[in-house]
Amino acid sequence: MTTPNPAHSAGCVAEAEETLTELRAALERAGITLPSLRLDPAGLAREAPCPLVELGRCSVETAARLAAVLR
């Protein structure tokens, strides 16, 4: 069993938070808000955090706007 590396874990969480901030800003520039956008708390609660970005739920209108931006 591998021993968790606190420095690595902190780096992973910091990278995930930075990515989340960048994604939120990019979506905002496109006029899109995902109200449930966050880091998944279950991934952060692990002994060795492995953050996942939770895009969450949104309206059909927001989903359509997101799809249009991605096309």
PDB file of N, CA and C in Angstrom:
ATOM      1  N   MET A   1       0.842  -1.179   0.000  1.00  0.00           N
ATOM      2  CA  MET A   1       0.000   0.000   0.000  1.00  0.00           C
ATOM      3  C   MET A   1       0.883   1.237   0.000  1.00  0.00           C
ATOM      4  N   THR A   2       0.565   2.202  -0.840  1.00  0.00           N
ATOM      5  CA  THR A   2       1.343   3.428  -0.953  1.00  0.00           C
ATOM      6  C   THR A   2       0.913   4.424   0.109  1.00  0.00           C
ATOM      7  N   THR A   3       1.893   5.057   0.739  1.00  0.00           N
ATOM      8  CA  THR A   3       1.605   6.083   1.737  1.00  0.00           C
ATOM      9  C   THR A   3       1.286   7.393   1.021  1.00  0.00           C
ATOM     10  N   PRO A   4       0.185   8.055   1.406  1.00  0.00           N
ATOM     11  CA  PRO A   4      -0.161   9.323   0.762  1.00  0.00           C
ATOM     12  C   PRO A   4       0.933  10.370   0.972  1.00  0.00           C
ATOM     13  N   ASN A   5       1.188  11.153  -0.042  1.00  0.00           N
ATOM     14  CA  ASN A   5       2.162  12.233   0.015  1.00  0.00           C
ATOM     15  C   ASN A   5       1.391  13.539   0.200  1.00  0.00           C
ATOM     16  N   PRO A   6       1.461  14.157   1.392  1.00  0.00           N
ATOM     17  CA  PRO A   6       0.679  15.370   1.643  1.00  0.00           C
ATOM     18  C   PRO A   6       0.975  16.504   0.664  1.00  0.00           C
ATOM     19  N   ALA A   7       2.227  16.662   0.259  1.00  0.00           N
ATOM     20  CA  ALA A   7       2.585  17.726  -0.676  1.00  0.00           C
ATOM     21  C   ALA A   7       1.928  17.475  -2.038  1.00  0.00           C
ATOM     22  N   HIS A   8       1.954  16.216  -2.466  1.00  0.00           N
ATOM     23  CA  HIS A   8       1.318  15.868  -3.747  1.00  0.00           C
ATOM     24  C   HIS A   8      -0.190  16.097  -3.665  1.00  0.00           C
ATOM     25  N   SER A   9      -0.791  15.661  -2.567  1.00  0.00           N
ATOM     26  CA  SER A   9      -2.232  15.834  -2.385  1.00  0.00           C
ATOM     27  C   SER A   9      -2.608  17.309  -2.394  1.00  0.00           C
ATOM     28  N   ALA A  10      -1.846  18.137  -1.691  1.00  0.00           N
ATOM     29  CA  ALA A  10      -2.121  19.576  -1.651  1.00  0.00           C
ATOM     30  C   ALA A  10      -1.987  20.173  -3.053  1.00  0.00           C
ATOM     31  N   GLY A  11      -0.999  19.710  -3.803  1.00  0.00           N
ATOM     32  CA  GLY A  11      -0.813  20.184  -5.170  1.00  0.00           C
ATOM     33  C   GLY A  11      -1.977  19.810  -6.060  1.00  0.00           C
ATOM     34  N   CYS A  12      -2.480  18.594  -5.893  1.00  0.00           N
ATOM     35  CA  CYS A  12      -3.628  18.144  -6.688  1.00  0.00           C
ATOM     36  C   CYS A  12      -4.860  18.986  -6.384  1.00  0.00           C
ATOM     37  N   VAL A  13      -5.085  19.267  -5.114  1.00  0.00           N
ATOM     38  CA  VAL A  13      -6.244  20.071  -4.725  1.00  0.00           C
ATOM     39  C   VAL A  13      -6.085  21.495  -5.251  1.00  0.00           C
ATOM     40  N   ALA A  14      -4.898  22.074  -5.119  1.00  0.00           N
ATOM     41  CA  ALA A  14      -4.657  23.435  -5.615  1.00  0.00           C
ATOM     42  C   ALA A  14      -4.862  23.503  -7.124  1.00  0.00           C
ATOM     43  N   GLU A  15      -4.379  22.506  -7.840  1.00  0.00           N
ATOM     44  CA  GLU A  15      -4.548  22.469  -9.300  1.00  0.00           C
ATOM     45  C   GLU A  15      -6.025  22.363  -9.658  1.00  0.00           C
ATOM     46  N   ALA A  16      -6.754  21.544  -8.920  1.00  0.00           N
ATOM     47  CA  ALA A  16      -8.183  21.380  -9.186  1.00  0.00           C
ATOM     48  C   ALA A  16      -8.930  22.690  -8.924  1.00  0.00           C
ATOM     49  N   GLU A  17      -8.579  23.387  -7.845  1.00  0.00           N
ATOM     50  CA  GLU A  17      -9.229  24.665  -7.534  1.00  0.00           C
ATOM     51  C   GLU A  17      -8.926  25.709  -8.603  1.00  0.00           C
ATOM     52  N   GLU A  18      -7.691  25.741  -9.078  1.00  0.00           N
ATOM     53  CA  GLU A  18      -7.307  26.685 -10.128  1.00  0.00           C
ATOM     54  C   GLU A  18      -8.055  26.374 -11.425  1.00  0.00           C
ATOM     55  N   THR A  19      -8.142  25.106 -11.761  1.00  0.00           N
ATOM     56  CA  THR A  19      -8.854  24.694 -12.966  1.00  0.00           C
ATOM     57  C   THR A  19     -10.326  25.054 -12.861  1.00  0.00           C
ATOM     58  N   LEU A  20     -10.905  24.843 -11.695  1.00  0.00           N
ATOM     59  CA  LEU A  20     -12.309  25.184 -11.476  1.00  0.00           C
ATOM     60  C   LEU A  20     -12.528  26.687 -11.667  1.00  0.00           C
ATOM     61  N   THR A  21     -11.639  27.496 -11.135  1.00  0.00           N
ATOM     62  CA  THR A  21     -11.728  28.949 -11.283  1.00  0.00           C
ATOM     63  C   THR A  21     -11.632  29.343 -12.753  1.00  0.00           C
ATOM     64  N   GLU A  22     -10.693  28.735 -13.477  1.00  0.00           N
ATOM     65  CA  GLU A  22     -10.526  29.034 -14.907  1.00  0.00           C
ATOM     66  C   GLU A  22     -11.756  28.618 -15.707  1.00  0.00           C
ATOM     67  N   LEU A  23     -12.303  27.459 -15.393  1.00  0.00           N
ATOM     68  CA  LEU A  23     -13.498  26.983 -16.091  1.00  0.00           C
ATOM     69  C   LEU A  23     -14.674  27.903 -15.821  1.00  0.00           C
ATOM     70  N   ARG A  24     -14.868  28.281 -14.572  1.00  0.00           N
ATOM     71  CA  ARG A  24     -15.973  29.182 -14.216  1.00  0.00           C
ATOM     72  C   ARG A  24     -15.839  30.511 -14.971  1.00  0.00           C
ATOM     73  N   ALA A  25     -14.625  31.047 -15.044  1.00  0.00           N
ATOM     74  CA  ALA A  25     -14.389  32.315 -15.740  1.00  0.00           C
ATOM     75  C   ALA A  25     -14.646  32.169 -17.241  1.00  0.00           C
ATOM     76  N   ALA A  26     -14.201  31.065 -17.832  1.00  0.00           N
ATOM     77  CA  ALA A  26     -14.415  30.845 -19.268  1.00  0.00           C
ATOM     78  C   ALA A  26     -15.908  30.710 -19.576  1.00  0.00           C
ATOM     79  N   LEU A  27     -16.611  29.997 -18.737  1.00  0.00           N
ATOM     80  CA  LEU A  27     -18.057  29.859 -18.931  1.00  0.00           C
ATOM     81  C   LEU A  27     -18.748  31.212 -18.780  1.00  0.00           C
ATOM     82  N   GLU A  28     -18.306  31.992 -17.806  1.00  0.00           N
ATOM     83  CA  GLU A  28     -18.894  33.317 -17.589  1.00  0.00           C
ATOM     84  C   GLU A  28     -18.686  34.213 -18.818  1.00  0.00           C
ATOM     85  N   ARG A  29     -17.484  34.152 -19.409  1.00  0.00           N
ATOM     86  CA  ARG A  29     -17.218  34.941 -20.621  1.00  0.00           C
ATOM     87  C   ARG A  29     -18.144  34.532 -21.763  1.00  0.00           C
ATOM     88  N   ALA A  30     -18.558  33.273 -21.761  1.00  0.00           N
ATOM     89  CA  ALA A  30     -19.468  32.773 -22.794  1.00  0.00           C
ATOM     90  C   ALA A  30     -20.926  32.996 -22.403  1.00  0.00           C
ATOM     91  N   GLY A  31     -21.138  33.629 -21.245  1.00  0.00           N
ATOM     92  CA  GLY A  31     -22.503  33.908 -20.795  1.00  0.00           C
ATOM     93  C   GLY A  31     -23.200  32.709 -20.194  1.00  0.00           C
ATOM     94  N   ILE A  32     -22.429  31.757 -19.685  1.00  0.00           N
ATOM     95  CA  ILE A  32     -22.997  30.521 -19.145  1.00  0.00           C
ATOM     96  C   ILE A  32     -22.640  30.399 -17.665  1.00  0.00           C
ATOM     97  N   THR A  33     -23.653  30.082 -16.860  1.00  0.00           N
ATOM     98  CA  THR A  33     -23.437  29.835 -15.438  1.00  0.00           C
ATOM     99  C   THR A  33     -23.929  28.434 -15.115  1.00  0.00           C
ATOM    100  N   LEU A  34     -23.061  27.633 -14.541  1.00  0.00           N
ATOM    101  CA  LEU A  34     -23.457  26.311 -14.045  1.00  0.00           C
ATOM    102  C   LEU A  34     -23.550  26.450 -12.529  1.00  0.00           C
ATOM    103  N   PRO A  35     -24.771  26.555 -11.985  1.00  0.00           N
ATOM    104  CA  PRO A  35     -24.931  26.854 -10.568  1.00  0.00           C
ATOM    105  C   PRO A  35     -24.329  25.816  -9.627  1.00  0.00           C
ATOM    106  N   SER A  36     -24.216  24.592 -10.057  1.00  0.00           N
ATOM    107  CA  SER A  36     -23.706  23.536  -9.179  1.00  0.00           C
ATOM    108  C   SER A  36     -22.229  23.226  -9.412  1.00  0.00           C
ATOM    109  N   LEU A  37     -21.538  24.031 -10.210  1.00  0.00           N
ATOM    110  CA  LEU A  37     -20.125  23.797 -10.520  1.00  0.00           C
ATOM    111  C   LEU A  37     -19.306  23.873  -9.237  1.00  0.00           C
ATOM    112  N   ARG A  38     -18.566  22.797  -8.936  1.00  0.00           N
ATOM    113  CA  ARG A  38     -17.763  22.736  -7.711  1.00  0.00           C
ATOM    114  C   ARG A  38     -16.828  21.548  -7.762  1.00  0.00           C
ATOM    115  N   LEU A  39     -15.973  21.457  -6.763  1.00  0.00           N
ATOM    116  CA  LEU A  39     -15.167  20.252  -6.590  1.00  0.00           C
ATOM    117  C   LEU A  39     -16.006  19.245  -5.828  1.00  0.00           C
ATOM    118  N   ASP A  40     -15.948  18.007  -6.236  1.00  0.00           N
ATOM    119  CA  ASP A  40     -16.710  16.942  -5.588  1.00  0.00           C
ATOM    120  C   ASP A  40     -16.170  16.716  -4.183  1.00  0.00           C
ATOM    121  N   PRO A  41     -16.994  16.908  -3.159  1.00  0.00           N
ATOM    122  CA  PRO A  41     -16.503  16.767  -1.784  1.00  0.00           C
ATOM    123  C   PRO A  41     -16.021  15.353  -1.447  1.00  0.00           C
ATOM    124  N   ALA A  42     -16.583  14.341  -2.073  1.00  0.00           N
ATOM    125  CA  ALA A  42     -16.159  12.965  -1.772  1.00  0.00           C
ATOM    126  C   ALA A  42     -14.699  12.743  -2.186  1.00  0.00           C
ATOM    127  N   GLY A  43     -14.305  13.318  -3.310  1.00  0.00           N
ATOM    128  CA  GLY A  43     -12.924  13.189  -3.760  1.00  0.00           C
ATOM    129  C   GLY A  43     -11.948  13.918  -2.863  1.00  0.00           C
ATOM    130  N   LEU A  44     -12.421  14.986  -2.216  1.00  0.00           N
ATOM    131  CA  LEU A  44     -11.562  15.750  -1.318  1.00  0.00           C
ATOM    132  C   LEU A  44     -11.447  15.112   0.059  1.00  0.00           C
ATOM    133  N   ALA A  45     -12.411  14.263   0.417  1.00  0.00           N
ATOM    134  CA  ALA A  45     -12.450  13.663   1.746  1.00  0.00           C
ATOM    135  C   ALA A  45     -11.553  12.433   1.889  1.00  0.00           C
ATOM    136  N   ARG A  46     -11.008  11.971   0.784  1.00  0.00           N
ATOM    137  CA  ARG A  46     -10.150  10.790   0.824  1.00  0.00           C
ATOM    138  C   ARG A  46      -8.856  11.082   1.557  1.00  0.00           C
ATOM    139  N   GLU A  47      -8.191  10.046   2.036  1.00  0.00           N
ATOM    140  CA  GLU A  47      -6.898  10.210   2.701  1.00  0.00           C
ATOM    141  C   GLU A  47      -5.893  10.875   1.764  1.00  0.00           C
ATOM    142  N   ALA A  48      -5.908  10.460   0.509  1.00  0.00           N
ATOM    143  CA  ALA A  48      -5.092  11.096  -0.531  1.00  0.00           C
ATOM    144  C   ALA A  48      -6.071  11.707  -1.527  1.00  0.00           C
ATOM    145  N   PRO A  49      -6.401  12.992  -1.363  1.00  0.00           N
ATOM    146  CA  PRO A  49      -7.424  13.609  -2.211  1.00  0.00           C
ATOM    147  C   PRO A  49      -7.169  13.433  -3.702  1.00  0.00           C
ATOM    148  N   CYS A  50      -8.240  13.107  -4.388  1.00  0.00           N
ATOM    149  CA  CYS A  50      -8.220  12.950  -5.842  1.00  0.00           C
ATOM    150  C   CYS A  50      -9.401  13.755  -6.377  1.00  0.00           C
ATOM    151  N   PRO A  51      -9.226  15.085  -6.505  1.00  0.00           N
ATOM    152  CA  PRO A  51     -10.351  15.946  -6.836  1.00  0.00           C
ATOM    153  C   PRO A  51     -10.969  15.663  -8.202  1.00  0.00           C
ATOM    154  N   LEU A  52     -12.280  15.715  -8.221  1.00  0.00           N
ATOM    155  CA  LEU A  52     -13.047  15.650  -9.455  1.00  0.00           C
ATOM    156  C   LEU A  52     -13.875  16.930  -9.540  1.00  0.00           C
ATOM    157  N   VAL A  53     -14.026  17.465 -10.745  1.00  0.00           N
ATOM    158  CA  VAL A  53     -14.861  18.641 -10.942  1.00  0.00           C
ATOM    159  C   VAL A  53     -16.275  18.149 -11.208  1.00  0.00           C
ATOM    160  N   GLU A  54     -17.192  18.639 -10.417  1.00  0.00           N
ATOM    161  CA  GLU A  54     -18.590  18.287 -10.559  1.00  0.00           C
ATOM    162  C   GLU A  54     -19.272  19.406 -11.334  1.00  0.00           C
ATOM    163  N   LEU A  55     -19.721  19.118 -12.543  1.00  0.00           N
ATOM    164  CA  LEU A  55     -20.364  20.141 -13.366  1.00  0.00           C
ATOM    165  C   LEU A  55     -21.778  20.431 -12.890  1.00  0.00           C
ATOM    166  N   GLY A  56     -22.396  19.459 -12.262  1.00  0.00           N
ATOM    167  CA  GLY A  56     -23.694  19.675 -11.652  1.00  0.00           C
ATOM    168  C   GLY A  56     -24.843  19.740 -12.629  1.00  0.00           C
ATOM    169  N   ARG A  57     -25.931  20.281 -12.111  1.00  0.00           N
ATOM    170  CA  ARG A  57     -27.166  20.349 -12.887  1.00  0.00           C
ATOM    171  C   ARG A  57     -27.345  21.753 -13.438  1.00  0.00           C
ATOM    172  N   CYS A  58     -28.082  21.834 -14.553  1.00  0.00           N
ATOM    173  CA  CYS A  58     -28.399  23.136 -15.135  1.00  0.00           C
ATOM    174  C   CYS A  58     -29.699  22.994 -15.921  1.00  0.00           C
ATOM    175  N   SER A  59     -30.233  24.132 -16.310  1.00  0.00           N
ATOM    176  CA  SER A  59     -31.472  24.119 -17.091  1.00  0.00           C
ATOM    177  C   SER A  59     -31.193  23.611 -18.500  1.00  0.00           C
ATOM    178  N   VAL A  60     -32.256  23.243 -19.199  1.00  0.00           N
ATOM    179  CA  VAL A  60     -32.125  22.804 -20.588  1.00  0.00           C
ATOM    180  C   VAL A  60     -31.578  23.954 -21.427  1.00  0.00           C
ATOM    181  N   GLU A  61     -32.028  25.172 -21.151  1.00  0.00           N
ATOM    182  CA  GLU A  61     -31.540  26.337 -21.882  1.00  0.00           C
ATOM    183  C   GLU A  61     -30.019  26.492 -21.714  1.00  0.00           C
ATOM    184  N   THR A  62     -29.545  26.340 -20.497  1.00  0.00           N
ATOM    185  CA  THR A  62     -28.102  26.453 -20.252  1.00  0.00           C
ATOM    186  C   THR A  62     -27.353  25.335 -20.949  1.00  0.00           C
ATOM    187  N   ALA A  63     -27.882  24.119 -20.915  1.00  0.00           N
ATOM    188  CA  ALA A  63     -27.249  22.995 -21.597  1.00  0.00           C
ATOM    189  C   ALA A  63     -27.167  23.247 -23.100  1.00  0.00           C
ATOM    190  N   ALA A  64     -28.213  23.814 -23.677  1.00  0.00           N
ATOM    191  CA  ALA A  64     -28.217  24.118 -25.105  1.00  0.00           C
ATOM    192  C   ALA A  64     -27.181  25.185 -25.424  1.00  0.00           C
ATOM    193  N   ARG A  65     -27.066  26.200 -24.575  1.00  0.00           N
ATOM    194  CA  ARG A  65     -26.070  27.255 -24.790  1.00  0.00           C
ATOM    195  C   ARG A  65     -24.663  26.680 -24.670  1.00  0.00           C
ATOM    196  N   LEU A  66     -24.448  25.802 -23.733  1.00  0.00           N
ATOM    197  CA  LEU A  66     -23.143  25.171 -23.571  1.00  0.00           C
ATOM    198  C   LEU A  66     -22.804  24.337 -24.803  1.00  0.00           C
ATOM    199  N   ALA A  67     -23.767  23.577 -25.298  1.00  0.00           N
ATOM    200  CA  ALA A  67     -23.538  22.764 -26.496  1.00  0.00           C
ATOM    201  C   ALA A  67     -23.202  23.655 -27.693  1.00  0.00           C
ATOM    202  N   ALA A  68     -23.880  24.782 -27.810  1.00  0.00           N
ATOM    203  CA  ALA A  68     -23.612  25.694 -28.926  1.00  0.00           C
ATOM    204  C   ALA A  68     -22.206  26.269 -28.843  1.00  0.00           C
ATOM    205  N   VAL A  69     -21.755  26.595 -27.667  1.00  0.00           N
ATOM    206  CA  VAL A  69     -20.404  27.137 -27.495  1.00  0.00           C
ATOM    207  C   VAL A  69     -19.356  26.090 -27.829  1.00  0.00           C
ATOM    208  N   LEU A  70     -19.641  24.845 -27.525  1.00  0.00           N
ATOM    209  CA  LEU A  70     -18.673  23.758 -27.747  1.00  0.00           C
ATOM    210  C   LEU A  70     -18.627  23.301 -29.205  1.00  0.00           C
ATOM    211  N   ARG A  71     -19.619  23.638 -29.973  1.00  0.00           N
ATOM    212  CA  ARG A  71     -19.643  23.219 -31.387  1.00  0.00           C
ATOM    213  C   ARG A  71     -18.577  23.910 -32.167  1.00  0.00           C
TER     214      ARG A  71
END
